[in-house]
C-alpha atoms as a PDB file:
ATOM      1  CA  MET A   1    -123.695 -36.956  48.548  1.00  0.00           C
ATOM      2  CA  THR A   2    -120.285 -38.644  48.842  1.00  0.00           C
ATOM      3  CA  ASN A   3    -117.668 -36.856  50.908  1.00  0.00           C
ATOM      4  CA  GLN A   4    -114.713 -35.885  48.732  1.00  0.00           C
ATOM      5  CA  ILE A   5    -111.117 -35.094  49.567  1.00  0.00           C
ATOM      6  CA  VAL A   6    -108.873 -33.136  47.225  1.00  0.00           C
ATOM      7  CA  ILE A   7    -105.150 -34.025  47.274  1.00  0.00           C
ATOM      8  CA  ASN A   8    -102.715 -32.664  44.681  1.00  0.00           C
ATOM      9  CA  GLY A   9    -105.609 -31.567  42.483  1.00  0.00           C
ATOM     10  CA  ARG A  10    -107.298 -34.990  42.538  1.00  0.00           C
ATOM     11  CA  ASP A  11    -110.890 -35.436  43.671  1.00  0.00           C
ATOM     12  CA  ASP A  12    -111.079 -38.878  45.309  1.00  0.00           C
ATOM     13  CA  PRO A  13    -114.000 -40.328  47.313  1.00  0.00           C
ATOM     14  CA  LYS A  14    -111.845 -41.188  50.333  1.00  0.00           C
ATOM     15  CA  PRO A  15    -108.221 -40.952  51.474  1.00  0.00           C
ATOM     16  CA  HIS A  16    -105.965 -43.849  50.481  1.00  0.00           C
ATOM     17  CA  PHE A  17    -103.144 -44.525  52.941  1.00  0.00           C
ATOM     18  CA  VAL A  18    -100.345 -46.880  51.887  1.00  0.00           C
ATOM     19  CA  LEU A  19     -98.690 -48.668  54.826  1.00  0.00           C
ATOM     20  CA  VAL A  20     -95.307 -50.317  54.303  1.00  0.00           C
ATOM     21  CA  PRO A  21     -94.195 -52.216  57.426  1.00  0.00           C
ATOM     22  CA  LEU A  22     -90.764 -53.749  57.889  1.00  0.00           C
ATOM     23  CA  MET A  23     -91.107 -57.518  57.621  1.00  0.00           C
ATOM     24  CA  ALA A  24     -90.466 -58.334  61.272  1.00  0.00           C
ATOM     25  CA  GLN A  25     -93.200 -59.249  63.742  1.00  0.00           C
ATOM     26  CA  GLY A  26     -92.594 -56.374  66.151  1.00  0.00           C
ATOM     27  CA  HIS A  27     -92.760 -53.898  63.256  1.00  0.00           C
ATOM     28  CA  THR A  28     -95.651 -55.430  61.307  1.00  0.00           C
ATOM     29  CA  ILE A  29     -98.119 -56.008  64.152  1.00  0.00           C
ATOM     30  CA  PRO A  30     -98.493 -52.361  65.250  1.00  0.00           C
ATOM     31  CA  MET A  31     -98.843 -51.240  61.622  1.00  0.00           C
ATOM     32  CA  ILE A  32    -101.738 -53.652  61.133  1.00  0.00           C
ATOM     33  CA  ASP A  33    -103.275 -52.139  64.273  1.00  0.00           C
ATOM     34  CA  MET A  34    -102.738 -48.742  62.639  1.00  0.00           C
ATOM     35  CA  ALA A  35    -104.446 -49.946  59.456  1.00  0.00           C
ATOM     36  CA  ARG A  36    -107.507 -50.968  61.444  1.00  0.00           C
ATOM     37  CA  LEU A  37    -107.618 -47.647  63.262  1.00  0.00           C
ATOM     38  CA  LEU A  38    -107.370 -45.689  60.005  1.00  0.00           C
ATOM     39  CA  ALA A  39    -109.933 -47.826  58.188  1.00  0.00           C
ATOM     40  CA  GLY A  40    -112.298 -47.395  61.119  1.00  0.00           C
ATOM     41  CA  ARG A  41    -112.184 -43.665  60.421  1.00  0.00           C
ATOM     42  CA  GLY A  42    -113.152 -43.933  56.780  1.00  0.00           C
ATOM     43  CA  VAL A  43    -109.721 -44.339  55.186  1.00  0.00           C
ATOM     44  CA  HIS A  44    -108.933 -46.963  52.547  1.00  0.00           C
ATOM     45  CA  VAL A  45    -105.673 -48.677  53.541  1.00  0.00           C
ATOM     46  CA  SER A  46    -103.258 -50.725  51.452  1.00  0.00           C
ATOM     47  CA  VAL A  47    -100.858 -52.810  53.551  1.00  0.00           C
ATOM     48  CA  ILE A  48     -97.803 -53.844  51.551  1.00  0.00           C
ATOM     49  CA  THR A  49     -96.454 -57.293  52.374  1.00  0.00           C
ATOM     50  CA  THR A  50     -94.909 -60.333  50.652  1.00  0.00           C
ATOM     51  CA  PRO A  51     -96.259 -63.844  49.933  1.00  0.00           C
ATOM     52  CA  VAL A  52     -94.480 -65.545  52.856  1.00  0.00           C
ATOM     53  CA  ASN A  53     -95.488 -62.834  55.304  1.00  0.00           C
ATOM     54  CA  ALA A  54     -99.071 -62.816  54.030  1.00  0.00           C
ATOM     55  CA  ALA A  55     -99.230 -66.554  54.715  1.00  0.00           C
ATOM     56  CA  ARG A  56     -97.910 -66.005  58.251  1.00  0.00           C
ATOM     57  CA  ILE A  57    -100.635 -63.492  59.061  1.00  0.00           C
ATOM     58  CA  LYS A  58    -103.383 -65.381  57.224  1.00  0.00           C
ATOM     59  CA  THR A  59    -105.584 -65.475  60.328  1.00  0.00           C
ATOM     60  CA  VAL A  60    -105.217 -61.725  60.807  1.00  0.00           C
ATOM     61  CA  ILE A  61    -106.057 -61.073  57.149  1.00  0.00           C
ATOM     62  CA  GLU A  62    -109.148 -63.273  57.376  1.00  0.00           C
ATOM     63  CA  ARG A  63    -110.363 -61.451  60.484  1.00  0.00           C
ATOM     64  CA  VAL A  64    -109.795 -58.075  58.828  1.00  0.00           C
ATOM     65  CA  LYS A  65    -111.825 -59.215  55.803  1.00  0.00           C
ATOM     66  CA  ALA A  66    -114.609 -60.434  58.076  1.00  0.00           C
ATOM     67  CA  SER A  67    -114.711 -57.024  59.762  1.00  0.00           C
ATOM     68  CA  GLN A  68    -115.448 -55.447  56.341  1.00  0.00           C
ATOM     69  CA  LEU A  69    -112.922 -52.702  56.998  1.00  0.00           C
ATOM     70  CA  SER A  70    -111.536 -51.072  53.852  1.00  0.00           C
ATOM     71  CA  ILE A  71    -108.100 -52.705  54.105  1.00  0.00           C
ATOM     72  CA  GLU A  72    -106.276 -54.428  51.261  1.00  0.00           C
ATOM     73  CA  PHE A  73    -103.203 -56.604  51.815  1.00  0.00           C
ATOM     74  CA  VAL A  74    -100.881 -56.406  48.805  1.00  0.00           C
ATOM     75  CA  PRO A  75     -98.285 -59.232  48.576  1.00  0.00           C
ATOM     76  CA  LEU A  76     -95.422 -58.106  46.342  1.00  0.00           C
ATOM     77  CA  PRO A  77     -92.899 -60.782  45.240  1.00  0.00           C
ATOM     78  CA  PHE A  78     -89.797 -60.516  47.416  1.00  0.00           C
ATOM     79  CA  PRO A  79     -86.511 -60.560  45.415  1.00  0.00           C
ATOM     80  CA  CYS A  80     -84.489 -62.966  47.577  1.00  0.00           C
ATOM     81  CA  SER A  81     -82.320 -64.292  44.748  1.00  0.00           C
ATOM     82  CA  ALA A  82     -81.426 -60.789  43.539  1.00  0.00           C
ATOM     83  CA  VAL A  83     -79.494 -60.128  46.754  1.00  0.00           C
ATOM     84  CA  GLY A  84     -78.218 -63.641  47.420  1.00  0.00           C
ATOM     85  CA  LEU A  85     -80.749 -64.643  50.074  1.00  0.00           C
ATOM     86  CA  PRO A  86     -82.218 -68.160  50.201  1.00  0.00           C
ATOM     87  CA  GLU A  87     -85.753 -68.327  48.808  1.00  0.00           C
ATOM     88  CA  GLY A  88     -88.375 -67.739  51.475  1.00  0.00           C
ATOM     89  CA  CYS A  89     -86.239 -65.412  53.601  1.00  0.00           C
ATOM     90  CA  GLU A  90     -88.867 -62.687  53.583  1.00  0.00           C
ATOM     91  CA  ASN A  91     -88.868 -61.849  57.281  1.00  0.00           C
ATOM     92  CA  ILE A  92     -85.981 -60.829  59.513  1.00  0.00           C
ATOM     93  CA  ASP A  93     -86.549 -63.821  61.781  1.00  0.00           C
ATOM     94  CA  THR A  94     -85.970 -66.191  58.830  1.00  0.00           C
ATOM     95  CA  LEU A  95     -82.492 -64.880  57.982  1.00  0.00           C
ATOM     96  CA  PRO A  96     -79.630 -67.395  58.356  1.00  0.00           C
ATOM     97  CA  SER A  97     -77.700 -64.871  60.484  1.00  0.00           C
ATOM     98  CA  LYS A  98     -77.625 -61.176  61.299  1.00  0.00           C
ATOM     99  CA  ASP A  99     -74.846 -60.776  58.707  1.00  0.00           C
ATOM    100  CA  HIS A 100     -77.590 -61.102  56.078  1.00  0.00           C
ATOM    101  CA  LEU A 101     -79.559 -58.136  57.420  1.00  0.00           C
ATOM    102  CA  HIS A 102     -78.014 -55.675  54.972  1.00  0.00           C
ATOM    103  CA  SER A 103     -78.954 -57.988  52.074  1.00  0.00           C
ATOM    104  CA  PHE A 104     -82.494 -58.215  53.420  1.00  0.00           C
ATOM    105  CA  LEU A 105     -82.780 -54.419  53.524  1.00  0.00           C
ATOM    106  CA  ASP A 106     -81.378 -54.231  49.990  1.00  0.00           C
ATOM    107  CA  ALA A 107     -84.111 -56.643  48.883  1.00  0.00           C
ATOM    108  CA  CYS A 108     -86.734 -54.460  50.571  1.00  0.00           C
ATOM    109  CA  ALA A 109     -85.458 -51.464  48.598  1.00  0.00           C
ATOM    110  CA  LEU A 110     -85.967 -53.428  45.365  1.00  0.00           C
ATOM    111  CA  LEU A 111     -89.716 -53.330  46.068  1.00  0.00           C
ATOM    112  CA  ARG A 112     -89.662 -49.664  45.030  1.00  0.00           C
ATOM    113  CA  GLU A 113     -90.546 -50.174  41.358  1.00  0.00           C
ATOM    114  CA  PRO A 114     -93.114 -52.973  41.931  1.00  0.00           C
ATOM    115  CA  LEU A 115     -94.872 -50.764  44.491  1.00  0.00           C
ATOM    116  CA  ILE A 116     -94.922 -47.777  42.137  1.00  0.00           C
ATOM    117  CA  LEU A 117     -96.342 -49.981  39.370  1.00  0.00           C
ATOM    118  CA  HIS A 118     -99.016 -51.406  41.673  1.00  0.00           C
ATOM    119  CA  LEU A 119    -100.139 -47.973  42.868  1.00  0.00           C
ATOM    120  CA  LYS A 120    -100.311 -46.633  39.310  1.00  0.00           C
ATOM    121  CA  GLU A 121    -102.703 -49.464  38.456  1.00  0.00           C
ATOM    122  CA  GLN A 122    -105.118 -48.590  41.264  1.00  0.00           C
ATOM    123  CA  LYS A 123    -108.245 -46.510  40.703  1.00  0.00           C
ATOM    124  CA  LEU A 124    -107.819 -44.779  44.064  1.00  0.00           C
ATOM    125  CA  HIS A 125    -104.814 -42.458  44.009  1.00  0.00           C
ATOM    126  CA  PRO A 126    -102.554 -42.763  47.103  1.00  0.00           C
ATOM    127  CA  SER A 127    -102.936 -39.900  49.579  1.00  0.00           C
ATOM    128  CA  CYS A 128     -99.839 -40.598  51.654  1.00  0.00           C
ATOM    129  CA  ILE A 129     -97.350 -43.297  52.588  1.00  0.00           C
ATOM    130  CA  ILE A 130     -96.674 -44.426  56.137  1.00  0.00           C
ATOM    131  CA  SER A 131     -93.630 -46.667  56.128  1.00  0.00           C
ATOM    132  CA  ASP A 132     -91.333 -48.191  58.677  1.00  0.00           C
ATOM    133  CA  VAL A 133     -88.445 -45.886  59.467  1.00  0.00           C
ATOM    134  CA  CYS A 134     -86.110 -48.509  57.962  1.00  0.00           C
ATOM    135  CA  HIS A 135     -87.772 -48.182  54.539  1.00  0.00           C
ATOM    136  CA  THR A 136     -86.008 -45.010  53.428  1.00  0.00           C
ATOM    137  CA  TRP A 137     -86.622 -46.011  49.778  1.00  0.00           C
ATOM    138  CA  THR A 138     -90.335 -45.243  50.145  1.00  0.00           C
ATOM    139  CA  GLY A 139     -89.384 -41.577  49.952  1.00  0.00           C
ATOM    140  CA  ASP A 140     -88.816 -42.156  46.220  1.00  0.00           C
ATOM    141  CA  VAL A 141     -92.296 -43.675  45.908  1.00  0.00           C
ATOM    142  CA  ALA A 142     -93.874 -40.701  47.676  1.00  0.00           C
ATOM    143  CA  GLN A 143     -91.979 -38.334  45.397  1.00  0.00           C
ATOM    144  CA  GLU A 144     -93.234 -40.228  42.338  1.00  0.00           C
ATOM    145  CA  PHE A 145     -96.847 -39.553  43.361  1.00  0.00           C
ATOM    146  CA  ARG A 146     -96.165 -36.124  44.923  1.00  0.00           C
ATOM    147  CA  ILE A 147     -97.627 -37.194  48.259  1.00  0.00           C
ATOM    148  CA  PRO A 148     -96.324 -36.938  51.837  1.00  0.00           C
ATOM    149  CA  ARG A 149     -94.458 -39.791  53.470  1.00  0.00           C
ATOM    150  CA  PHE A 150     -94.443 -40.342  57.214  1.00  0.00           C
ATOM    151  CA  ALA A 151     -92.009 -42.633  59.008  1.00  0.00           C
ATOM    152  CA  PHE A 152     -93.276 -45.053  61.648  1.00  0.00           C
ATOM    153  CA  ASN A 153     -91.072 -46.032  64.568  1.00  0.00           C
ATOM    154  CA  GLY A 154     -92.080 -48.613  67.145  1.00  0.00           C
ATOM    155  CA  PHE A 155     -89.516 -47.383  69.688  1.00  0.00           C
ATOM    156  CA  GLY A 156     -90.547 -45.377  72.722  1.00  0.00           C
ATOM    157  CA  GLY A 157     -89.609 -41.727  73.086  1.00  0.00           C
ATOM    158  CA  PHE A 158     -86.791 -42.350  75.579  1.00  0.00           C
ATOM    159  CA  SER A 159     -84.988 -44.882  73.390  1.00  0.00           C
ATOM    160  CA  LEU A 160     -85.620 -42.835  70.229  1.00  0.00           C
ATOM    161  CA  LEU A 161     -83.939 -39.802  71.759  1.00  0.00           C
ATOM    162  CA  CYS A 162     -81.050 -41.887  73.111  1.00  0.00           C
ATOM    163  CA  ARG A 163     -80.422 -43.539  69.751  1.00  0.00           C
ATOM    164  CA  HIS A 164     -80.600 -40.208  67.923  1.00  0.00           C
ATOM    165  CA  ILE A 165     -78.053 -38.614  70.260  1.00  0.00           C
ATOM    166  CA  ILE A 166     -75.731 -41.627  70.072  1.00  0.00           C
ATOM    167  CA  LEU A 167     -75.786 -41.782  66.263  1.00  0.00           C
ATOM    168  CA  THR A 168     -75.610 -38.027  65.696  1.00  0.00           C
ATOM    169  CA  ASN A 169     -72.671 -37.567  68.068  1.00  0.00           C
ATOM    170  CA  GLU A 170     -71.093 -40.953  67.230  1.00  0.00           C
ATOM    171  CA  LEU A 171     -70.814 -41.665  70.941  1.00  0.00           C
ATOM    172  CA  ASP A 172     -70.292 -45.367  70.280  1.00  0.00           C
ATOM    173  CA  LYS A 173     -66.994 -44.465  68.565  1.00  0.00           C
ATOM    174  CA  LYS A 174     -65.670 -42.209  71.334  1.00  0.00           C
ATOM    175  CA  THR A 175     -64.079 -45.056  73.260  1.00  0.00           C
ATOM    176  CA  SER A 176     -63.259 -48.743  72.970  1.00  0.00           C
ATOM    177  CA  ASP A 177     -63.702 -49.306  76.711  1.00  0.00           C
ATOM    178  CA  GLU A 178     -67.036 -51.077  77.153  1.00  0.00           C
ATOM    179  CA  MET A 179     -67.240 -49.978  80.803  1.00  0.00           C
ATOM    180  CA  GLU A 180     -66.519 -46.284  80.247  1.00  0.00           C
ATOM    181  CA  VAL A 181     -69.300 -43.961  81.421  1.00  0.00           C
ATOM    182  CA  ILE A 182     -70.563 -41.551  78.757  1.00  0.00           C
ATOM    183  CA  VAL A 183     -72.815 -38.586  79.547  1.00  0.00           C
ATOM    184  CA  MET A 184     -75.597 -38.121  76.988  1.00  0.00           C
ATOM    185  CA  PRO A 185     -75.275 -34.583  75.543  1.00  0.00           C
ATOM    186  CA  GLY A 186     -78.472 -32.628  74.919  1.00  0.00           C
ATOM    187  CA  PHE A 187     -80.651 -34.969  76.983  1.00  0.00           C
ATOM    188  CA  PRO A 188     -83.483 -33.222  78.903  1.00  0.00           C
ATOM    189  CA  HIS A 189     -82.005 -34.459  82.187  1.00  0.00           C
ATOM    190  CA  HIS A 190     -78.695 -35.925  83.278  1.00  0.00           C
ATOM    191  CA  LEU A 191     -78.198 -39.410  81.853  1.00  0.00           C
ATOM    192  CA  GLU A 192     -75.140 -41.653  81.885  1.00  0.00           C
ATOM    193  CA  LEU A 193     -74.654 -44.796  79.824  1.00  0.00           C
ATOM    194  CA  LEU A 194     -71.879 -47.338  79.624  1.00  0.00           C
ATOM    195  CA  LYS A 195     -70.470 -48.006  76.171  1.00  0.00           C
ATOM    196  CA  ALA A 196     -71.694 -51.589  76.674  1.00  0.00           C
ATOM    197  CA  GLN A 197     -75.277 -50.322  77.105  1.00  0.00           C
ATOM    198  CA  MET A 198     -75.372 -48.541  73.765  1.00  0.00           C
ATOM    199  CA  PRO A 199     -77.295 -50.137  70.896  1.00  0.00           C
ATOM    200  CA  GLY A 200     -75.184 -52.169  68.519  1.00  0.00           C
ATOM    201  CA  SER A 201     -77.677 -53.078  65.795  1.00  0.00           C
ATOM    202  CA  PHE A 202     -75.878 -50.934  63.210  1.00  0.00           C
ATOM    203  CA  GLY A 203     -72.497 -52.513  63.843  1.00  0.00           C
ATOM    204  CA  GLY A 204     -72.975 -55.536  61.582  1.00  0.00           C
ATOM    205  CA  ARG A 205     -71.481 -56.073  58.156  1.00  0.00           C
ATOM    206  CA  GLY A 206     -72.695 -53.483  55.639  1.00  0.00           C
ATOM    207  CA  MET A 207     -74.806 -51.609  58.190  1.00  0.00           C
ATOM    208  CA  GLU A 208     -72.796 -48.394  58.538  1.00  0.00           C
ATOM    209  CA  LYS A 209     -74.121 -47.185  55.183  1.00  0.00           C
ATOM    210  CA  PHE A 210     -77.652 -47.959  56.325  1.00  0.00           C
ATOM    211  CA  ALA A 211     -77.148 -45.921  59.502  1.00  0.00           C
ATOM    212  CA  GLU A 212     -76.106 -42.960  57.338  1.00  0.00           C
ATOM    213  CA  GLU A 213     -79.213 -43.421  55.183  1.00  0.00           C
ATOM    214  CA  LEU A 214     -81.394 -43.295  58.296  1.00  0.00           C
ATOM    215  CA  LYS A 215     -79.800 -40.036  59.410  1.00  0.00           C
ATOM    216  CA  ALA A 216     -80.219 -38.477  55.966  1.00  0.00           C
ATOM    217  CA  ASP A 217     -83.828 -39.638  55.744  1.00  0.00           C
ATOM    218  CA  GLN A 218     -84.777 -37.532  58.770  1.00  0.00           C
ATOM    219  CA  GLN A 219     -84.437 -34.503  56.488  1.00  0.00           C
ATOM    220  CA  ARG A 220     -86.623 -36.124  53.858  1.00  0.00           C
ATOM    221  CA  PHE A 221     -89.722 -37.569  55.514  1.00  0.00           C
ATOM    222  CA  ASP A 222     -92.622 -35.276  56.427  1.00  0.00           C
ATOM    223  CA  GLY A 223     -93.030 -36.403  60.017  1.00  0.00           C
ATOM    224  CA  MET A 224     -92.895 -39.420  62.296  1.00  0.00           C
ATOM    225  CA  LEU A 225     -95.505 -41.583  64.019  1.00  0.00           C
ATOM    226  CA  VAL A 226     -94.454 -43.238  67.273  1.00  0.00           C
ATOM    227  CA  ASN A 227     -96.173 -46.058  69.146  1.00  0.00           C
ATOM    228  CA  THR A 228     -96.191 -44.344  72.538  1.00  0.00           C
ATOM    229  CA  PHE A 229     -98.273 -41.691  74.325  1.00  0.00           C
ATOM    230  CA  ASP A 230     -97.676 -38.204  75.680  1.00  0.00           C
ATOM    231  CA  ASP A 231     -98.688 -38.888  79.280  1.00  0.00           C
ATOM    232  CA  LEU A 232     -95.788 -41.332  79.510  1.00  0.00           C
ATOM    233  CA  GLU A 233     -93.057 -39.700  77.419  1.00  0.00           C
ATOM    234  CA  ALA A 234     -93.938 -36.087  76.597  1.00  0.00           C
ATOM    235  CA  LEU A 235     -90.521 -34.846  77.788  1.00  0.00           C
ATOM    236  CA  TYR A 236     -88.573 -37.176  75.488  1.00  0.00           C
ATOM    237  CA  ILE A 237     -90.901 -36.788  72.494  1.00  0.00           C
ATOM    238  CA  GLU A 238     -90.660 -32.998  72.710  1.00  0.00           C
ATOM    239  CA  SER A 239     -86.857 -33.183  72.855  1.00  0.00           C
ATOM    240  CA  PHE A 240     -86.711 -35.678  69.977  1.00  0.00           C
ATOM    241  CA  GLN A 241     -89.022 -33.518  67.875  1.00  0.00           C
ATOM    242  CA  LYS A 242     -86.760 -30.503  68.383  1.00  0.00           C
ATOM    243  CA  ALA A 243     -83.682 -32.600  67.600  1.00  0.00           C
ATOM    244  CA  ILE A 244     -84.928 -33.842  64.209  1.00  0.00           C
ATOM    245  CA  GLY A 245     -86.857 -30.694  63.289  1.00  0.00           C
ATOM    246  CA  LYS A 246     -89.963 -32.641  62.241  1.00  0.00           C
ATOM    247  CA  LYS A 247     -93.411 -33.136  63.716  1.00  0.00           C
ATOM    248  CA  VAL A 248     -93.727 -36.295  65.817  1.00  0.00           C
ATOM    249  CA  TRP A 249     -97.170 -37.750  66.519  1.00  0.00           C
ATOM    250  CA  THR A 250     -97.683 -40.124  69.458  1.00  0.00           C
ATOM    251  CA  ILE A 251    -100.383 -42.595  68.424  1.00  0.00           C
ATOM    252  CA  GLY A 252     -99.975 -45.488  70.852  1.00  0.00           C
ATOM    253  CA  PRO A 253    -100.176 -47.844  72.440  1.00  0.00           C
ATOM    254  CA  MET A 254    -101.944 -49.264  69.403  1.00  0.00           C
ATOM    255  CA  SER A 255    -102.161 -52.729  70.962  1.00  0.00           C
ATOM    256  CA  LEU A 256    -105.101 -51.399  72.993  1.00  0.00           C
ATOM    257  CA  TYR A 257    -107.162 -51.420  69.799  1.00  0.00           C
ATOM    258  CA  ASN A 258    -107.378 -55.217  70.104  1.00  0.00           C
ATOM    259  CA  LYS A 259    -110.197 -55.869  72.543  1.00  0.00           C
ATOM    260  CA  ASP A 260    -111.413 -59.103  70.965  1.00  0.00           C
ATOM    261  CA  VAL A 261    -109.811 -62.256  72.406  1.00  0.00           C
ATOM    262  CA  ALA A 262    -109.436 -63.800  68.938  1.00  0.00           C
ATOM    263  CA  ASP A 263    -107.679 -60.681  67.631  1.00  0.00           C
ATOM    264  CA  MET A 264    -105.259 -60.713  70.550  1.00  0.00           C
ATOM    265  CA  ALA A 265    -104.554 -64.422  70.084  1.00  0.00           C
ATOM    266  CA  ALA A 266    -103.680 -63.887  66.412  1.00  0.00           C
ATOM    267  CA  ARG A 267    -100.898 -61.396  67.178  1.00  0.00           C
ATOM    268  CA  GLY A 268     -97.322 -62.599  66.674  1.00  0.00           C
ATOM    269  CA  ASN A 269     -95.882 -66.091  66.532  1.00  0.00           C
ATOM    270  CA  LEU A 270     -97.217 -69.051  68.442  1.00  0.00           C
ATOM    271  CA  ALA A 271     -95.659 -69.539  71.861  1.00  0.00           C
ATOM    272  CA  SER A 272     -92.785 -72.013  71.928  1.00  0.00           C
ATOM    273  CA  ILE A 273     -94.129 -73.571  75.134  1.00  0.00           C
ATOM    274  CA  ASP A 274     -97.619 -74.431  76.347  1.00  0.00           C
ATOM    275  CA  GLU A 275     -99.604 -71.521  77.807  1.00  0.00           C
ATOM    276  CA  ASN A 276    -100.933 -73.605  80.696  1.00  0.00           C
ATOM    277  CA  HIS A 277     -97.380 -74.656  81.561  1.00  0.00           C
ATOM    278  CA  CYS A 278     -96.458 -70.974  81.913  1.00  0.00           C
ATOM    279  CA  LEU A 279     -99.488 -70.272  84.093  1.00  0.00           C
ATOM    280  CA  ARG A 280     -98.762 -73.244  86.361  1.00  0.00           C
ATOM    281  CA  TRP A 281     -95.171 -72.098  86.764  1.00  0.00           C
ATOM    282  CA  LEU A 282     -96.276 -68.546  87.602  1.00  0.00           C
ATOM    283  CA  ASP A 283     -98.813 -69.844  90.121  1.00  0.00           C
ATOM    284  CA  SER A 284     -96.036 -71.785  91.845  1.00  0.00           C
ATOM    285  CA  MET A 285     -94.000 -68.617  92.454  1.00  0.00           C
ATOM    286  CA  LYS A 286     -94.282 -66.356  95.485  1.00  0.00           C
ATOM    287  CA  PRO A 287     -96.238 -63.086  95.001  1.00  0.00           C
ATOM    288  CA  ASN A 288     -94.159 -60.239  93.521  1.00  0.00           C
ATOM    289  CA  SER A 289     -91.204 -62.575  92.903  1.00  0.00           C
ATOM    290  CA  VAL A 290     -91.283 -62.716  89.083  1.00  0.00           C
ATOM    291  CA  ILE A 291     -89.885 -60.023  86.800  1.00  0.00           C
ATOM    292  CA  TYR A 292     -91.105 -60.011  83.198  1.00  0.00           C
ATOM    293  CA  VAL A 293     -88.492 -58.895  80.669  1.00  0.00           C
ATOM    294  CA  SER A 294     -89.088 -58.807  76.910  1.00  0.00           C
ATOM    295  CA  PHE A 295     -86.122 -58.557  74.545  1.00  0.00           C
ATOM    296  CA  GLY A 296     -88.346 -58.592  71.454  1.00  0.00           C
ATOM    297  CA  SER A 297     -89.293 -61.419  69.121  1.00  0.00           C
ATOM    298  CA  LEU A 298     -85.899 -61.423  67.366  1.00  0.00           C
ATOM    299  CA  ALA A 299     -83.948 -62.127  70.546  1.00  0.00           C
ATOM    300  CA  SER A 300     -83.295 -65.731  71.527  1.00  0.00           C
ATOM    301  CA  PRO A 301     -81.503 -65.577  74.882  1.00  0.00           C
ATOM    302  CA  ILE A 302     -80.100 -68.806  76.263  1.00  0.00           C
ATOM    303  CA  PRO A 303     -81.767 -69.727  79.609  1.00  0.00           C
END
């Protein structure tokens, strides 16, 4: 006998989760980890991507196929020309400058109708959508199929709570003095930040509207998945959950799913310098003298 699951009156053989990552390496990689975890528990997963991004993760896709997990990668044509982007700019790290970010997000939103059409053509009805928190438009897709939509955020609990408090209280607009100390209201313990330490990713051209959409979307999605774990950040996750009034699930760190050396090697872009060169340099340093700092794959600090 086949196990059945009934969702919205439909009797389907297995759940069908639709994952919609933001096309940026640090956002896509953990969602592919999530797809593997879900498929390993009997869920059919559709991962929505684009042709350029599918080509970039070709090795990952091939390894997923070899594992025989029930995961389908769906490359939808990305409408670069419709928003004035050069052809092939299908990932945030391919944009000519950060001033094009709002156009990129507009192009992502234009995937709404193609995604709806694709899902209507599938035999297996979607059970839910898990989309990057930046993809507020997927709420319309979920509404079309009368299914829940959960937002995924790769931030940790501490930074999530900080960003929420800053945006909700517009703390970044309270002063023009970059060195002024601002006390974070509603934080579970005393915390001070300089204006200069506050995130500025929503300050670019056309991004204020997007910030408002993110705030409004917190009332729309059915919950949030976060790539962290309770033993590390229970205090901040609990406070964030109360602040947004929605259930927050800690499901990380999902990178631990990758135990195979080949799987780990396929994650992210190739290193810009030789691995052995890095190891030789580290070996030449005194013990406990090197601090590792990661600014994320989109940052390109000058040495």
